[in-house]
C-alpha atoms as a PDB file:
ATOM      1  CA  UNK A   1     -60.049  -6.863  -0.425  1.00  0.00           C
ATOM      2  CA  UNK A   2     -60.481  -8.726  -3.691  1.00  0.00           C
ATOM      3  CA  UNK A   3     -56.734  -9.203  -3.883  1.00  0.00           C
ATOM      4  CA  UNK A   4     -56.759 -10.760  -0.415  1.00  0.00           C
ATOM      5  CA  UNK A   5     -59.603 -13.089  -1.417  1.00  0.00           C
ATOM      6  CA  UNK A   6     -57.535 -14.307  -4.376  1.00  0.00           C
ATOM      7  CA  UNK A   7     -54.584 -15.060  -2.072  1.00  0.00           C
ATOM      8  CA  UNK A   8     -56.838 -16.996   0.302  1.00  0.00           C
ATOM      9  CA  UNK A   9     -58.244 -19.024  -2.607  1.00  0.00           C
ATOM     10  CA  UNK A  10     -54.722 -19.861  -3.820  1.00  0.00           C
ATOM     11  CA  UNK A  11     -53.724 -20.921  -0.324  1.00  0.00           C
ATOM     12  CA  UNK A  12     -56.800 -23.164  -0.054  1.00  0.00           C
ATOM     13  CA  UNK A  13     -55.972 -24.801  -3.401  1.00  0.00           C
ATOM     14  CA  UNK A  14     -52.383 -25.378  -2.273  1.00  0.00           C
ATOM     15  CA  UNK A  15     -53.650 -26.839   1.008  1.00  0.00           C
ATOM     16  CA  UNK A  16     -55.931 -29.236  -0.864  1.00  0.00           C
ATOM     17  CA  UNK A  17     -53.102 -30.295  -3.183  1.00  0.00           C
ATOM     18  CA  UNK A  18     -50.706 -30.918  -0.318  1.00  0.00           C
ATOM     19  CA  UNK A  19     -53.361 -32.821   1.629  1.00  0.00           C
ATOM     20  CA  UNK A  20     -53.923 -35.165  -1.295  1.00  0.00           C
ATOM     21  CA  UNK A  21     -50.173 -35.745  -1.631  1.00  0.00           C
ATOM     22  CA  UNK A  22     -49.859 -36.500   2.078  1.00  0.00           C
ATOM     23  CA  UNK A  23     -52.727 -38.974   1.784  1.00  0.00           C
ATOM     24  CA  UNK A  24     -50.890 -40.693  -1.072  1.00  0.00           C
ATOM     25  CA  UNK A  25     -47.713 -40.965   0.953  1.00  0.00           C
ATOM     26  CA  UNK A  26     -49.687 -42.281   3.933  1.00  0.00           C
ATOM     27  CA  UNK A  27     -51.292 -44.935   1.719  1.00  0.00           C
ATOM     28  CA  UNK A  28     -47.857 -46.000   0.431  1.00  0.00           C
ATOM     29  CA  UNK A  29     -46.550 -46.228   3.985  1.00  0.00           C
ATOM     30  CA  UNK A  30     -49.543 -48.299   4.996  1.00  0.00           C
ATOM     31  CA  UNK A  31     -48.951 -50.664   2.071  1.00  0.00           C
ATOM     32  CA  UNK A  32     -45.202 -51.093   2.612  1.00  0.00           C
ATOM     33  CA  UNK A  33     -45.141 -50.507   6.355  1.00  0.00           C
ATOM     34  CA  UNK A  34     -46.371 -53.981   7.193  1.00  0.00           C
ATOM     35  CA  UNK A  35     -43.612 -55.541   5.113  1.00  0.00           C
ATOM     36  CA  UNK A  36     -40.772 -53.488   6.610  1.00  0.00           C
ATOM     37  CA  UNK A  37     -42.217 -53.077  10.069  1.00  0.00           C
ATOM     38  CA  UNK A  38     -39.382 -54.448  12.216  1.00  0.00           C
ATOM     39  CA  UNK A  39     -36.338 -53.717  10.063  1.00  0.00           C
ATOM     40  CA  UNK A  40     -34.833 -56.836   8.549  1.00  0.00           C
ATOM     41  CA  UNK A  41     -37.186 -59.326  10.142  1.00  0.00           C
ATOM     42  CA  UNK A  42     -36.038 -62.580  11.683  1.00  0.00           C
ATOM     43  CA  UNK A  43     -32.408 -63.570  11.460  1.00  0.00           C
ATOM     44  CA  UNK A  44     -31.346 -67.044  10.525  1.00  0.00           C
ATOM     45  CA  UNK A  45     -29.147 -69.043  12.821  1.00  0.00           C
ATOM     46  CA  UNK A  46     -26.289 -71.137  11.591  1.00  0.00           C
ATOM     47  CA  UNK A  47     -25.383 -74.482  13.023  1.00  0.00           C
ATOM     48  CA  UNK A  48     -22.020 -75.042  14.658  1.00  0.00           C
ATOM     49  CA  UNK A  49     -21.115 -77.467  11.875  1.00  0.00           C
ATOM     50  CA  UNK A  50     -21.855 -74.805   9.244  1.00  0.00           C
ATOM     51  CA  UNK A  51     -19.706 -72.243  11.050  1.00  0.00           C
ATOM     52  CA  UNK A  52     -16.916 -74.821  11.349  1.00  0.00           C
ATOM     53  CA  UNK A  53     -17.026 -75.511   7.595  1.00  0.00           C
ATOM     54  CA  UNK A  54     -16.849 -71.792   6.786  1.00  0.00           C
ATOM     55  CA  UNK A  55     -13.976 -71.286   9.239  1.00  0.00           C
ATOM     56  CA  UNK A  56     -12.064 -74.237   7.760  1.00  0.00           C
ATOM     57  CA  UNK A  57     -12.546 -72.912   4.229  1.00  0.00           C
ATOM     58  CA  UNK A  58     -11.315 -69.469   5.282  1.00  0.00           C
ATOM     59  CA  UNK A  59      -8.263 -70.977   6.996  1.00  0.00           C
ATOM     60  CA  UNK A  60      -7.514 -72.894   3.801  1.00  0.00           C
ATOM     61  CA  UNK A  61      -7.753 -69.682   1.749  1.00  0.00           C
ATOM     62  CA  UNK A  62      -5.365 -67.874   4.099  1.00  0.00           C
ATOM     63  CA  UNK A  63      -2.950 -70.798   4.053  1.00  0.00           C
ATOM     64  CA  UNK A  64      -2.980 -70.709   0.266  1.00  0.00           C
ATOM     65  CA  UNK A  65      -2.231 -66.958   0.233  1.00  0.00           C
ATOM     66  CA  UNK A  66       0.499 -67.223   2.864  1.00  0.00           C
ATOM     67  CA  UNK A  67       2.055 -70.238   1.179  1.00  0.00           C
ATOM     68  CA  UNK A  68       2.666 -68.393  -2.072  1.00  0.00           C
ATOM     69  CA  UNK A  69       5.796 -66.310  -2.398  1.00  0.00           C
ATOM     70  CA  UNK A  70       6.011 -63.210  -4.490  1.00  0.00           C
ATOM     71  CA  UNK A  71       3.505 -60.410  -4.910  1.00  0.00           C
ATOM     72  CA  UNK A  72       1.044 -61.511  -2.253  1.00  0.00           C
ATOM     73  CA  UNK A  73       3.435 -60.634   0.587  1.00  0.00           C
ATOM     74  CA  UNK A  74       5.260 -57.387   1.117  1.00  0.00           C
ATOM     75  CA  UNK A  75       9.035 -57.365   0.609  1.00  0.00           C
ATOM     76  CA  UNK A  76      11.201 -57.055   3.682  1.00  0.00           C
ATOM     77  CA  UNK A  77      12.270 -53.549   4.568  1.00  0.00           C
ATOM     78  CA  UNK A  78      15.951 -52.736   4.519  1.00  0.00           C
ATOM     79  CA  UNK A  79      17.497 -51.856   7.846  1.00  0.00           C
ATOM     80  CA  UNK A  80      20.346 -49.482   8.508  1.00  0.00           C
ATOM     81  CA  UNK A  81      23.414 -50.550  10.420  1.00  0.00           C
ATOM     82  CA  UNK A  82      24.248 -48.905  13.736  1.00  0.00           C
ATOM     83  CA  UNK A  83      27.467 -47.467  12.307  1.00  0.00           C
ATOM     84  CA  UNK A  84      25.621 -45.880   9.371  1.00  0.00           C
ATOM     85  CA  UNK A  85      23.052 -44.395  11.747  1.00  0.00           C
ATOM     86  CA  UNK A  86      25.845 -42.872  13.882  1.00  0.00           C
ATOM     87  CA  UNK A  87      27.519 -41.370  10.791  1.00  0.00           C
ATOM     88  CA  UNK A  88      24.255 -39.770   9.671  1.00  0.00           C
ATOM     89  CA  UNK A  89      23.568 -38.395  13.170  1.00  0.00           C
ATOM     90  CA  UNK A  90      27.110 -36.948  13.389  1.00  0.00           C
ATOM     91  CA  UNK A  91      26.770 -35.314   9.978  1.00  0.00           C
ATOM     92  CA  UNK A  92      23.426 -33.779  11.004  1.00  0.00           C
ATOM     93  CA  UNK A  93      24.917 -32.438  14.241  1.00  0.00           C
ATOM     94  CA  UNK A  94      27.753 -30.887  12.206  1.00  0.00           C
ATOM     95  CA  UNK A  95      25.253 -29.212   9.851  1.00  0.00           C
ATOM     96  CA  UNK A  96      23.325 -27.744  12.784  1.00  0.00           C
ATOM     97  CA  UNK A  97      26.544 -26.558  14.402  1.00  0.00           C
ATOM     98  CA  UNK A  98      27.421 -24.772  11.169  1.00  0.00           C
ATOM     99  CA  UNK A  99      23.977 -23.094  11.082  1.00  0.00           C
ATOM    100  CA  UNK A 100      24.300 -21.964  14.711  1.00  0.00           C
ATOM    101  CA  UNK A 101      27.793 -20.621  14.114  1.00  0.00           C
ATOM    102  CA  UNK A 102      26.563 -18.563  11.163  1.00  0.00           C
ATOM    103  CA  UNK A 103      24.088 -16.714  13.376  1.00  0.00           C
END
């Protein structure tokens, strides 16, 4: 029974330790909870004139990027002529015919 009493005493000490830690966390939440109660708080509104200025500045930036030639835009992709496409397709059909004939 003495062994069981020692286990109970250890469990009581652990309970007391954990209770004090939980109280500390609760105190921290109480201190910071009022500050961060509703997420981010109130949001600011922007006037229509302010939004218009930002939009105009962004349009000017895009115009500057689009106006430059060189690395800012992607090079045009090469296209294949219809005749070249037909030659490739015919060659592929011939290769498959050869494979089927070998079977």
